[in-house]
Amino acid sequence: MKGAYTNPRFFLAMTFMLAMAAALVQAQGTRVGFYARTCPRAESIVRSTVQSHFRSNPNIAPGLLRMHFHDCFVQGCDASILIDGPNTEKTAPPNRLLRGYEVIDDAKTQLEATCPGVVSCADILTLAARDSVFLTRGINWAVPTGRRDGRVSLASDTTILPGFRESIDSQKQKFAAFGLNTQDLVALVGGHTIGTSACQLFSYRLYNFTNGGPDPTVNSAFVPQLQALCPQNGDGSRRIDLDTGSGNRFDTSFFANLRNGRGILESDQKLWTDPSTRTFVQRFLGERGSRPLNFNVEFARSMVKMSNIGVKTGTNGEIRRICSAIN
């Protein structure tokens, strides 16, 4: 990790990211260094908390990244996904398998002891998602802060989240509704380079998908491996890496797996089978004949865009003292 801070390319990327972040968020009211005076240790407290939990359970990294995504697409990035109670976002099917809530609670407890009533749960979650990428050997980037927390959390609102069988056209429409383009879509789905999926979300692709056989977009040599991990009528809760061979490292191997027919989720594999998204997969892989894109840098750029969806700032929202409860 230390080497990243002394790498000239890192500083170049960071300079670019800072300038880009400032331009993106000027109108939204968030800014880099929002807590510099009111709670100067805010970001370091969040990072050290994520690091501590990550050391004992690396699975919290992809969990926090997914949680941030699922939060932003429902009611905006306002930490509504953290609220406990019947029929809240947390109880909805797309969110039942998320993990990492205890990390946010831990960070919030420490921040309330240091700077009571200052740092929002929404900002903690946004920072924790960034730190999760960095801890899995991805890029570090400047996170604009200044969000406030929402008070509305409804399970019924989660239908807007893209599903694991979603078509590319539908995915693009859902992303476009929040100002995210096709490149943002491919970059953000690339976050599946870390983390796992339950067998129940993709095993249907392995048995009786078409004409009694598996999904033809799955590499035929890969099918037996997946069937061994997720046997028909087996344990649907068993989890396997979304990025075969590199599930704990933030890198481009996820895209290489898509190219090779080794995407786990049907919606992921469609990034390769659909020409409009395949172009970006090829660019992230730096394939010959394509204009290369740096996945880490573009992922960070897309994360900054996403993290400003529907943010509440100024007098909007609140600063929850307990992230799981409305004040």
Protein backbone atom coordinates (compact mmCIF):
# COMPACT_ATOMS: atom_id res chain seq x y z
CA MET A 1 0.00 0.00 0.00
CA LYS A 2 2.77 2.40 0.87
CA GLY A 3 4.17 2.24 -2.65
CA ALA A 4 0.96 3.72 -4.08
CA TYR A 5 1.64 7.04 -2.42
CA THR A 6 5.13 7.33 -3.92
CA ASN A 7 4.17 6.34 -7.47
CA PRO A 8 4.19 9.35 -9.87
CA ARG A 9 1.28 7.84 -11.80
CA PHE A 10 -0.72 7.75 -8.59
CA PHE A 11 -0.19 11.47 -8.01
CA LEU A 12 -1.08 12.23 -11.62
CA ALA A 13 -4.29 10.26 -11.28
CA MET A 14 -5.08 11.96 -7.99
CA THR A 15 -4.53 15.43 -9.47
CA PHE A 16 -6.92 14.54 -12.28
CA MET A 17 -9.47 13.14 -9.85
CA LEU A 18 -9.38 16.20 -7.59
CA ALA A 19 -9.97 18.55 -10.51
CA MET A 20 -12.72 16.35 -11.89
CA ALA A 21 -14.39 15.96 -8.50
CA ALA A 22 -14.44 19.70 -7.93
CA ALA A 23 -16.08 20.28 -11.30
CA LEU A 24 -18.66 17.55 -10.80
CA VAL A 25 -19.88 18.50 -7.37
CA GLN A 26 -19.86 22.28 -7.43
CA ALA A 27 -23.56 22.41 -8.12
CA GLN A 28 -24.55 19.64 -5.73
CA GLY A 29 -23.08 21.19 -2.59
CA THR A 30 -20.63 18.43 -1.68
CA ARG A 31 -16.91 19.11 -1.75
CA VAL A 32 -13.60 17.45 -1.01
CA GLY A 33 -12.48 18.26 2.54
CA PHE A 34 -15.95 19.20 3.83
CA TYR A 35 -15.00 18.13 7.38
CA ALA A 36 -11.52 19.70 7.39
CA ARG A 37 -12.48 22.15 10.15
CA THR A 38 -15.47 20.55 11.85
CA CYS A 39 -14.05 17.02 12.15
CA PRO A 40 -10.53 16.81 10.69
CA ARG A 41 -10.12 13.13 11.62
CA ALA A 42 -13.37 12.04 9.96
CA GLU A 43 -11.87 10.32 6.93
CA SER A 44 -9.02 8.70 8.85
CA ILE A 45 -11.45 7.31 11.43
CA VAL A 46 -13.59 5.76 8.71
CA ARG A 47 -10.58 4.30 6.93
CA SER A 48 -9.03 2.82 10.08
CA THR A 49 -12.41 1.29 11.00
CA VAL A 50 -12.80 -0.30 7.56
CA GLN A 51 -9.19 -1.55 7.73
CA SER A 52 -9.78 -3.13 11.15
CA HIS A 53 -12.87 -5.02 10.01
CA PHE A 54 -11.26 -5.92 6.69
CA ARG A 55 -8.34 -7.61 8.45
CA SER A 56 -10.69 -9.99 10.22
CA ASN A 57 -13.19 -10.36 7.36
CA PRO A 58 -12.17 -9.29 3.82
CA ASN A 59 -15.73 -9.92 2.63
CA ILE A 60 -16.84 -6.63 4.12
CA ALA A 61 -15.07 -4.76 1.28
CA PRO A 62 -17.38 -5.87 -1.56
CA GLY A 63 -20.29 -5.70 0.86
CA LEU A 64 -19.71 -2.01 1.57
CA LEU A 65 -19.19 -1.24 -2.11
CA ARG A 66 -22.50 -2.91 -3.04
CA MET A 67 -24.26 -1.24 -0.13
CA HIS A 68 -23.22 2.20 -1.37
CA PHE A 69 -24.46 1.40 -4.89
CA HIS A 70 -27.78 0.07 -3.58
CA ASP A 71 -28.17 3.13 -1.37
CA CYS A 72 -27.54 5.69 -4.12
CA PHE A 73 -30.00 4.14 -6.57
CA VAL A 74 -32.85 4.38 -4.03
CA GLN A 75 -33.74 7.82 -2.66
CA GLY A 76 -30.25 9.04 -3.59
CA CYS A 77 -27.03 8.70 -1.56
CA ASP A 78 -28.63 9.41 1.80
CA ALA A 79 -27.92 6.30 3.91
CA SER A 80 -31.58 5.25 3.76
CA ILE A 81 -30.39 1.68 3.24
CA LEU A 82 -29.05 1.65 6.82
CA ILE A 83 -32.39 2.29 8.53
CA ASP A 84 -33.86 -0.58 10.53
CA GLY A 85 -37.56 -1.41 10.65
CA PRO A 86 -40.29 -3.33 8.86
CA ASN A 87 -40.51 -2.82 5.10
CA THR A 88 -37.36 -0.69 4.94
CA GLU A 89 -34.81 -0.93 2.12
CA LYS A 90 -32.68 -3.21 4.25
CA THR A 91 -35.44 -5.84 4.27
CA ALA A 92 -35.95 -5.91 0.48
CA PRO A 93 -34.80 -9.01 -1.46
CA PRO A 94 -31.93 -7.24 -3.29
CA ASN A 95 -30.46 -6.13 0.04
CA ARG A 96 -30.95 -9.17 2.25
CA LEU A 97 -27.52 -10.60 1.43
CA LEU A 98 -25.60 -7.35 1.89
CA ARG A 99 -22.94 -7.28 4.58
CA GLY A 100 -20.94 -4.60 6.38
CA TYR A 101 -23.60 -2.75 8.36
CA GLU A 102 -21.57 -3.27 11.54
CA VAL A 103 -18.63 -1.41 9.98
CA ILE A 104 -20.73 1.70 9.42
CA ASP A 105 -22.13 1.47 12.95
CA ASP A 106 -18.63 1.12 14.40
CA ALA A 107 -17.31 4.12 12.47
CA LYS A 108 -20.35 6.18 13.46
CA THR A 109 -19.86 5.37 17.16
CA GLN A 110 -16.25 6.55 16.99
CA LEU A 111 -17.15 9.70 15.09
CA GLU A 112 -19.93 10.58 17.50
CA ALA A 113 -17.42 10.30 20.34
CA THR A 114 -14.99 12.58 18.51
CA CYS A 115 -17.28 15.00 16.64
CA PRO A 116 -20.86 14.55 17.87
CA GLY A 117 -23.60 15.37 15.38
CA VAL A 118 -21.21 16.36 12.58
CA VAL A 119 -20.52 13.49 10.17
CA SER A 120 -23.44 11.98 8.28
CA CYS A 121 -24.02 8.28 7.84
CA ALA A 122 -24.29 8.92 4.10
CA ASP A 123 -20.73 10.26 4.04
CA ILE A 124 -19.46 7.40 6.17
CA LEU A 125 -20.89 4.89 3.70
CA THR A 126 -19.46 6.78 0.72
CA LEU A 127 -15.99 6.95 2.28
CA ALA A 128 -16.15 3.30 3.34
CA ALA A 129 -16.93 2.24 -0.25
CA ARG A 130 -13.84 4.11 -1.48
CA ASP A 131 -11.70 2.60 1.27
CA SER A 132 -12.96 -0.87 0.37
CA VAL A 133 -11.69 -0.48 -3.18
CA PHE A 134 -8.32 0.80 -1.96
CA LEU A 135 -7.92 -2.07 0.52
CA THR A 136 -8.47 -4.59 -2.27
CA ARG A 137 -5.59 -3.00 -4.25
CA GLY A 138 -7.68 -0.58 -6.28
CA ILE A 139 -7.20 3.15 -6.67
CA ASN A 140 -7.54 5.76 -3.95
CA TRP A 141 -9.51 8.88 -4.86
CA ALA A 142 -10.73 12.12 -3.34
CA VAL A 143 -14.31 11.75 -2.06
CA PRO A 144 -16.50 14.85 -2.00
CA THR A 145 -18.42 14.97 1.29
CA GLY A 146 -21.16 17.06 2.85
CA ARG A 147 -24.15 14.74 2.38
CA ARG A 148 -26.94 14.64 4.89
CA ASP A 149 -29.06 11.63 5.83
CA GLY A 150 -32.55 10.86 4.59
CA ARG A 151 -35.56 9.82 6.62
CA VAL A 152 -37.46 7.71 4.08
CA SER A 153 -36.63 4.03 3.57
CA LEU A 154 -39.11 1.82 1.74
CA ALA A 155 -38.53 -1.72 0.52
CA SER A 156 -40.92 -1.06 -2.37
CA ASP A 157 -38.50 1.54 -3.79
CA THR A 158 -35.79 -1.05 -4.41
CA THR A 159 -37.45 -2.31 -7.59
CA ILE A 160 -35.39 0.32 -9.40
CA LEU A 161 -32.19 -1.62 -8.67
CA PRO A 162 -30.83 -3.55 -11.69
CA GLY A 163 -31.43 -7.29 -11.38
CA PHE A 164 -29.20 -10.28 -12.07
CA ARG A 165 -31.22 -11.16 -15.22
CA GLU A 166 -31.53 -7.56 -16.44
CA SER A 167 -31.09 -6.81 -20.14
CA ILE A 168 -28.46 -4.29 -21.18
CA ASP A 169 -31.10 -1.94 -22.56
CA SER A 170 -32.89 -1.98 -19.22
CA GLN A 171 -29.65 -1.50 -17.31
CA LYS A 172 -28.73 1.46 -19.49
CA GLN A 173 -32.14 3.04 -18.95
CA LYS A 174 -31.87 2.70 -15.18
CA PHE A 175 -28.39 4.20 -15.13
CA ALA A 176 -29.32 6.99 -17.55
CA ALA A 177 -32.15 8.03 -15.24
CA PHE A 178 -29.44 9.12 -12.80
CA GLY A 179 -27.18 10.77 -15.34
CA LEU A 180 -24.88 7.77 -15.72
CA ASN A 181 -23.89 6.77 -19.25
CA THR A 182 -22.92 3.42 -20.77
CA GLN A 183 -19.28 3.77 -19.79
CA ASP A 184 -20.32 4.47 -16.19
CA LEU A 185 -22.51 1.36 -16.31
CA VAL A 186 -19.67 -0.91 -17.42
CA ALA A 187 -17.18 0.67 -15.02
CA LEU A 188 -19.48 0.40 -12.00
CA VAL A 189 -20.56 -3.17 -12.77
CA GLY A 190 -16.82 -3.81 -12.94
CA GLY A 191 -16.95 -3.47 -9.17
CA HIS A 192 -17.92 -7.14 -9.30
CA THR A 193 -14.20 -7.80 -9.60
CA ILE A 194 -14.43 -8.22 -5.82
CA GLY A 195 -17.03 -10.20 -3.94
CA THR A 196 -19.23 -13.23 -4.33
CA SER A 197 -22.66 -14.35 -5.46
CA ALA A 198 -25.00 -16.92 -3.99
CA CYS A 199 -25.63 -19.98 -6.18
CA GLN A 200 -29.35 -19.21 -6.16
CA LEU A 201 -28.72 -16.10 -8.28
CA PHE A 202 -27.12 -17.88 -11.23
CA SER A 203 -27.45 -21.69 -10.98
CA TYR A 204 -30.48 -21.56 -13.32
CA ARG A 205 -27.95 -20.80 -16.08
CA LEU A 206 -26.34 -24.21 -15.57
CA TYR A 207 -29.37 -26.48 -15.87
CA ASN A 208 -32.23 -26.53 -18.39
CA PHE A 209 -31.58 -22.96 -19.51
CA THR A 210 -32.26 -23.61 -23.21
CA ASN A 211 -33.29 -26.93 -24.76
CA GLY A 212 -32.38 -28.76 -21.57
CA GLY A 213 -28.80 -27.46 -21.57
CA PRO A 214 -26.84 -24.65 -19.91
CA ASP A 215 -26.78 -21.00 -20.97
CA PRO A 216 -24.83 -21.01 -24.25
CA THR A 217 -23.01 -17.82 -23.27
CA VAL A 218 -21.26 -19.73 -20.47
CA ASN A 219 -17.94 -21.20 -21.60
CA SER A 220 -18.58 -24.94 -22.07
CA ALA A 221 -15.39 -25.82 -20.18
CA PHE A 222 -16.51 -23.63 -17.28
CA VAL A 223 -19.95 -25.20 -16.89
CA PRO A 224 -18.76 -28.38 -15.07
CA GLN A 225 -16.75 -26.28 -12.62
CA LEU A 226 -19.80 -24.21 -11.74
CA GLN A 227 -22.03 -27.27 -11.55
CA ALA A 228 -19.61 -28.84 -9.06
CA LEU A 229 -19.77 -25.69 -6.92
CA CYS A 230 -23.52 -25.25 -7.31
CA PRO A 231 -25.14 -28.67 -7.90
CA GLN A 232 -28.73 -28.80 -9.05
CA ASN A 233 -31.08 -28.62 -6.02
CA GLY A 234 -28.00 -27.95 -3.87
CA ASP A 235 -27.40 -25.24 -1.26
CA GLY A 236 -28.57 -22.04 -2.94
CA SER A 237 -26.90 -19.90 -0.29
CA ARG A 238 -23.40 -21.16 -1.09
CA ARG A 239 -21.27 -18.31 -2.37
CA ILE A 240 -18.63 -18.26 -5.10
CA ASP A 241 -16.41 -15.49 -6.49
CA LEU A 242 -17.94 -13.21 -9.10
CA ASP A 243 -14.46 -12.81 -10.58
CA THR A 244 -13.13 -16.35 -10.86
CA GLY A 245 -9.47 -16.52 -9.89
CA SER A 246 -9.29 -12.97 -8.53
CA GLY A 247 -12.26 -12.43 -6.23
CA ASN A 248 -10.32 -10.55 -3.55
CA ARG A 249 -8.41 -8.13 -5.79
CA PHE A 250 -9.70 -5.02 -7.54
CA ASP A 251 -8.44 -5.47 -11.11
CA THR A 252 -9.52 -6.01 -14.72
CA SER A 253 -9.67 -9.80 -14.60
CA PHE A 254 -13.45 -9.53 -14.20
CA PHE A 255 -13.62 -8.17 -17.74
CA ALA A 256 -11.26 -10.86 -19.01
CA ASN A 257 -13.61 -13.45 -17.53
CA LEU A 258 -16.55 -11.89 -19.38
CA ARG A 259 -14.59 -12.06 -22.63
CA ASN A 260 -13.90 -15.73 -21.95
CA GLY A 261 -17.53 -16.63 -21.16
CA ARG A 262 -16.86 -16.88 -17.44
CA GLY A 263 -19.23 -14.24 -16.15
CA ILE A 264 -21.18 -15.57 -13.17
CA LEU A 265 -24.30 -13.41 -13.29
CA GLU A 266 -26.35 -13.34 -16.48
CA SER A 267 -26.53 -9.53 -16.33
CA ASP A 268 -22.73 -9.36 -16.09
CA GLN A 269 -22.09 -11.67 -19.04
CA LYS A 270 -24.40 -9.53 -21.16
CA LEU A 271 -21.82 -6.74 -20.93
CA TRP A 272 -19.80 -8.83 -23.38
CA THR A 273 -22.59 -10.21 -25.58
CA ASP A 274 -24.11 -6.76 -26.17
CA PRO A 275 -22.05 -4.72 -28.67
CA SER A 276 -22.82 -1.38 -26.99
CA THR A 277 -21.16 -2.44 -23.74
CA ARG A 278 -18.60 -4.87 -25.17
CA THR A 279 -16.73 -1.88 -26.60
CA PHE A 280 -16.04 -0.57 -23.10
CA VAL A 281 -15.06 -4.00 -21.78
CA GLN A 282 -12.51 -4.20 -24.59
CA ARG A 283 -11.22 -0.71 -23.82
CA PHE A 284 -10.80 -1.52 -20.13
CA LEU A 285 -8.86 -4.61 -21.18
CA GLY A 286 -6.72 -2.54 -23.55
CA GLU A 287 -7.46 -4.84 -26.47
CA ARG A 288 -5.68 -4.15 -29.73
CA GLY A 289 -7.64 -1.86 -32.00
CA SER A 290 -9.51 -0.19 -29.13
CA ARG A 291 -8.76 3.10 -27.36
CA PRO A 292 -7.56 1.99 -23.91
CA LEU A 293 -9.30 3.18 -20.75
CA ASN A 294 -7.72 2.95 -17.31
CA PHE A 295 -10.28 0.96 -15.34
CA ASN A 296 -9.18 2.21 -11.91
CA VAL A 297 -9.30 5.88 -12.91
CA GLU A 298 -12.61 5.56 -14.77
CA PHE A 299 -14.16 3.55 -11.94
CA ALA A 300 -13.24 6.31 -9.50
CA ARG A 301 -14.68 8.94 -11.84
CA SER A 302 -17.94 7.01 -12.15
CA MET A 303 -18.09 6.51 -8.38
CA VAL A 304 -17.87 10.26 -7.82
CA LYS A 305 -20.73 10.77 -10.28
CA MET A 306 -22.83 8.07 -8.67
CA SER A 307 -22.13 9.27 -5.14
CA ASN A 308 -23.79 12.59 -5.94
CA ILE A 309 -27.10 11.10 -7.03
CA GLY A 310 -29.91 12.84 -5.16
CA VAL A 311 -27.69 14.02 -2.31
CA LYS A 312 -29.19 16.05 0.50
CA THR A 313 -27.07 19.00 1.61
CA GLY A 314 -27.38 22.20 3.60
CA THR A 315 -30.70 22.28 5.43
CA ASN A 316 -32.03 19.17 3.69
CA GLY A 317 -31.95 15.85 5.54
CA GLU A 318 -30.37 15.37 8.95
CA ILE A 319 -27.27 14.03 10.69
CA ARG A 320 -28.42 10.78 12.28
CA ARG A 321 -26.74 9.99 15.62
CA ILE A 322 -27.40 6.28 15.05
CA CYS A 323 -27.23 5.20 11.42
CA SER A 324 -29.88 2.50 11.78
CA ALA A 325 -32.46 4.84 13.33
CA ILE A 326 -34.19 8.09 12.38
CA ASN A 327 -33.55 10.86 14.93
